[in-house]
Protein backbone atom coordinates (compact mmCIF):
# COMPACT_ATOMS: atom_id res chain seq x y z
CA MET A 1 2.43 9.53 16.79
CA TRP A 2 3.28 6.00 15.62
CA HIS A 3 0.20 5.86 13.40
CA TYR A 4 0.93 9.30 11.95
CA THR A 5 4.57 8.52 11.27
CA ILE A 6 3.98 5.28 9.36
CA SER A 7 1.08 6.88 7.47
CA MET A 8 3.40 9.63 6.26
CA ILE A 9 6.12 7.16 5.31
CA GLY A 10 3.58 5.02 3.47
CA THR A 11 2.31 8.09 1.64
CA ALA A 12 5.81 8.92 0.42
CA VAL A 13 6.57 5.34 -0.64
CA PHE A 14 3.33 4.90 -2.57
CA ALA A 15 3.79 8.24 -4.32
CA ILE A 16 7.24 7.06 -5.41
CA THR A 17 5.87 3.78 -6.79
CA GLY A 18 3.15 5.68 -8.62
CA VAL A 19 5.72 7.62 -10.62
CA LEU A 20 8.15 4.73 -11.11
CA ALA A 21 5.34 2.62 -12.57
CA LEU A 22 4.94 4.90 -15.58
CA ARG A 23 8.03 7.08 -15.83
CA ARG A 24 9.93 4.83 -18.20
CA ASP A 25 6.91 4.68 -20.55
CA GLY A 26 6.85 8.46 -20.85
CA ILE A 27 5.08 10.93 -18.57
CA ASP A 28 5.21 14.66 -18.04
CA VAL A 29 5.68 16.36 -14.71
CA PHE A 30 1.96 17.07 -14.25
CA GLY A 31 1.09 13.44 -14.98
CA ALA A 32 3.70 12.31 -12.46
CA LEU A 33 2.23 14.61 -9.84
CA VAL A 34 -1.32 13.36 -10.37
CA LEU A 35 -0.30 9.70 -10.51
CA GLY A 36 1.78 9.96 -7.35
CA ILE A 37 -0.98 11.68 -5.37
CA VAL A 38 -3.69 9.26 -6.53
CA THR A 39 -1.51 6.25 -5.70
CA ALA A 40 -0.66 7.58 -2.25
CA LEU A 41 -4.07 8.87 -1.19
CA GLY A 42 -6.61 6.83 -3.17
CA GLY A 43 -7.01 3.82 -0.90
CA GLY A 44 -7.25 5.83 2.32
CA THR A 45 -9.75 8.24 0.76
CA VAL A 46 -12.14 5.43 -0.14
CA ARG A 47 -11.65 3.88 3.31
CA ASP A 48 -12.69 7.09 5.06
CA LEU A 49 -15.71 7.49 2.79
CA ILE A 50 -16.81 3.93 3.57
CA ILE A 51 -16.65 4.41 7.34
CA ASP A 52 -18.08 7.94 7.12
CA ALA A 53 -14.99 9.47 8.70
CA PRO A 54 -13.43 12.82 7.77
CA VAL A 55 -11.16 12.23 4.77
CA PHE A 56 -7.69 12.18 6.30
CA TRP A 57 -5.88 14.45 3.85
CA ILE A 58 -8.55 17.15 4.00
CA GLY A 59 -8.00 17.49 7.72
CA ASP A 60 -4.23 17.36 7.38
CA PHE A 61 -2.95 18.67 4.03
CA ASN A 62 0.57 17.56 4.92
CA TYR A 63 -0.36 14.21 3.34
CA VAL A 64 -0.85 15.95 -0.01
CA TRP A 65 2.40 17.87 0.33
CA VAL A 66 4.32 14.68 1.15
CA ALA A 67 2.75 12.81 -1.77
CA ALA A 68 3.37 15.69 -4.17
CA GLY A 69 6.95 16.23 -3.00
CA SER A 70 7.79 12.53 -3.24
CA ALA A 71 6.25 12.27 -6.71
CA LEU A 72 8.17 15.29 -8.02
CA MET A 73 11.43 14.14 -6.45
CA THR A 74 11.03 10.73 -8.09
CA PHE A 75 10.21 12.27 -11.46
CA PHE A 76 13.45 14.24 -11.50
CA ILE A 77 15.92 11.77 -9.96
CA ALA A 78 14.52 8.31 -10.77
CA ARG A 79 16.40 7.70 -14.04
CA PRO A 80 18.89 5.21 -12.50
CA PHE A 81 15.97 3.13 -11.20
CA GLU A 82 13.38 3.43 -13.94
CA SER A 83 14.26 0.12 -15.57
CA THR A 84 14.27 -1.79 -12.30
CA GLN A 85 10.87 -3.46 -12.03
CA THR A 86 11.95 -5.43 -8.96
CA LEU A 87 12.60 -2.20 -7.04
CA LEU A 88 9.04 -1.12 -7.77
CA LEU A 89 7.69 -4.40 -6.40
CA TYR A 90 9.68 -4.16 -3.17
CA LEU A 91 8.68 -0.51 -2.65
CA ASP A 92 5.07 -1.42 -3.31
CA GLY A 93 5.27 -4.23 -0.76
CA PHE A 94 6.77 -1.92 1.86
CA GLY A 95 4.17 0.79 1.23
CA ALA A 96 1.36 -1.76 1.36
CA ALA A 97 2.60 -3.04 4.73
CA LEU A 98 2.75 0.48 6.16
CA PHE A 99 -0.72 1.39 4.94
CA ALA A 100 -2.28 -1.88 6.03
CA ILE A 101 -1.23 -1.60 9.66
CA ALA A 102 -1.92 2.14 9.90
CA ALA A 103 -5.40 1.67 8.44
CA THR A 104 -6.24 -1.31 10.64
CA ASP A 105 -5.13 0.64 13.70
CA LYS A 106 -7.24 3.65 12.68
CA VAL A 107 -10.40 1.64 12.03
CA LEU A 108 -10.06 -0.24 15.32
CA GLY A 109 -9.51 3.07 17.11
CA LEU A 110 -12.80 4.35 15.73
CA GLY A 111 -14.62 1.45 17.37
CA PHE A 112 -15.28 -0.79 14.37
CA ALA A 113 -15.20 -4.58 14.65
CA ALA A 114 -12.05 -6.53 13.89
CA PRO A 115 -13.31 -8.01 10.57
CA VAL A 116 -14.12 -4.51 9.31
CA ALA A 117 -10.67 -3.30 10.34
CA VAL A 118 -9.02 -6.17 8.45
CA MET A 119 -11.08 -5.58 5.30
CA LEU A 120 -10.35 -1.86 5.27
CA GLY A 121 -6.70 -2.45 6.12
CA VAL A 122 -6.43 -4.61 3.01
CA TRP A 123 -8.34 -2.14 0.87
CA THR A 124 -6.29 0.85 2.02
CA SER A 125 -3.06 -0.91 1.15
CA ILE A 126 -4.10 -2.15 -2.29
CA GLY A 127 -6.57 0.53 -3.42
CA GLY A 128 -3.98 3.13 -4.35
CA GLY A 129 -1.88 0.52 -6.17
CA ILE A 130 -4.89 -0.64 -8.17
CA ALA A 131 -5.70 2.95 -9.11
CA ARG A 132 -2.07 3.46 -10.10
CA ASP A 133 -2.06 0.40 -12.35
CA VAL A 134 -5.34 1.40 -13.99
CA LEU A 135 -4.09 4.93 -14.69
CA ALA A 136 -0.76 3.58 -15.92
CA GLY A 137 -2.43 1.04 -18.19
CA ARG A 138 -0.65 -1.81 -16.43
CA PRO A 139 -2.18 -5.16 -15.41
CA ASN A 140 -2.65 -5.00 -11.66
CA LEU A 141 -1.28 -7.72 -9.41
CA LEU A 142 -4.75 -8.85 -8.30
CA ARG A 143 -5.34 -10.14 -11.82
CA SER A 144 -2.30 -12.39 -11.75
CA ARG A 145 -1.39 -15.50 -9.78
CA GLU A 146 1.24 -13.57 -7.82
CA ILE A 147 0.58 -13.69 -4.09
CA TYR A 148 -0.22 -10.05 -3.37
CA ALA A 149 -3.19 -9.45 -1.10
CA THR A 150 -2.76 -12.60 1.01
CA PRO A 151 0.24 -11.33 3.04
CA ILE A 152 -1.65 -8.11 3.74
CA LEU A 153 -4.76 -9.97 4.89
CA LEU A 154 -2.76 -12.24 7.17
CA GLY A 155 -0.72 -9.34 8.51
CA CYS A 156 -3.79 -7.30 9.42
CA ALA A 157 -5.29 -10.32 11.19
CA LEU A 158 -1.99 -10.91 13.00
CA TYR A 159 -1.94 -7.31 14.19
CA ILE A 160 -5.40 -7.67 15.71
CA LEU A 161 -4.41 -10.92 17.45
CA LEU A 162 -1.23 -9.38 18.85
CA ARG A 163 -3.20 -6.39 20.15
CA ALA A 164 -5.67 -8.76 21.82
CA PHE A 165 -2.98 -10.78 23.60
CA TRP A 166 -0.64 -7.87 24.37
CA PRO A 167 -2.84 -4.79 24.70
CA GLY A 168 -0.92 -1.56 24.81
CA ALA A 169 2.35 -3.13 23.63
CA GLN A 170 4.21 -0.80 21.29
CA TRP A 171 5.84 -3.55 19.22
CA THR A 172 2.69 -5.19 17.87
CA GLY A 173 2.34 -2.88 14.88
CA THR A 174 6.01 -3.20 13.99
CA ALA A 175 5.84 -6.99 14.19
CA ALA A 176 2.79 -7.18 11.91
CA LEU A 177 4.33 -4.69 9.48
CA PHE A 178 7.52 -6.74 9.30
CA PHE A 179 5.48 -9.91 8.73
CA ILE A 180 3.68 -8.40 5.72
CA PHE A 181 6.80 -7.00 4.12
CA ALA A 182 8.85 -10.15 4.77
CA PHE A 183 6.11 -12.30 3.25
CA ARG A 184 5.86 -10.06 0.16
CA ALA A 185 9.65 -9.92 -0.17
CA LEU A 186 9.79 -13.72 -0.09
CA VAL A 187 7.11 -13.90 -2.77
CA ILE A 188 9.01 -11.45 -4.97
CA HIS A 189 12.41 -13.04 -4.40
CA ARG A 190 11.23 -16.61 -4.99
CA GLY A 191 8.67 -15.78 -7.68
CA LEU A 192 5.96 -17.57 -5.72
CA GLN A 193 2.48 -17.86 -7.19
CA MET A 194 -0.93 -18.91 -5.98
CA PRO A 195 -1.46 -22.66 -6.61
CA ALA A 196 -3.32 -23.29 -9.84
CA VAL A 197 -6.13 -25.04 -7.96
CA LEU A 198 -6.88 -21.72 -6.21
CA SER A 199 -6.78 -19.67 -9.41
CA THR A 200 -8.64 -19.49 -12.71
CA HIS A 201 -5.32 -18.83 -14.50
CA ARG A 202 -4.08 -21.80 -16.44
CA PRO A 203 -0.69 -22.40 -18.03
CA SER A 204 -0.70 -21.59 -21.73
């Protein structure tokens, strides 16, 4: 139930960010619907194809309904927020945290090794956002010096460590989720960037 709940919440949040990313640049209702669904379901779809598991939204179409409903709701009521780029970043960070932990938990539950679970946890949480940015014609955060994937990677690894030391504890997922979101929120609030020595980006 925990896994299902956070997966549904993450689906809604990512659908919302998918529409907010492009709404102010001009988009029709069909475009909003497609962008929201792709953002919400893209990363998890690729994950399931990689591990040869049934694609999650085919087995439970509620994911599609939640993504579609969230996208349409955002399209019609998002005007007060459409100029707030910071809101989009915080929502994206929250959705990424939800998806990362849910995906890591799923992959571990299917019997895959911890490194595979971490890799697919990261991919699930960033894949939909990358697809969103490509469709929206926006530079994605992986191509900047902003610290984006690192909190997700560390959070997924932390979740596995907490599970190993406290097996069966219900709070481990919540703790790892909070770590990812708090780390991303700090990055956004402080404008932190990857050190230049660890990046090919150079000041102009």
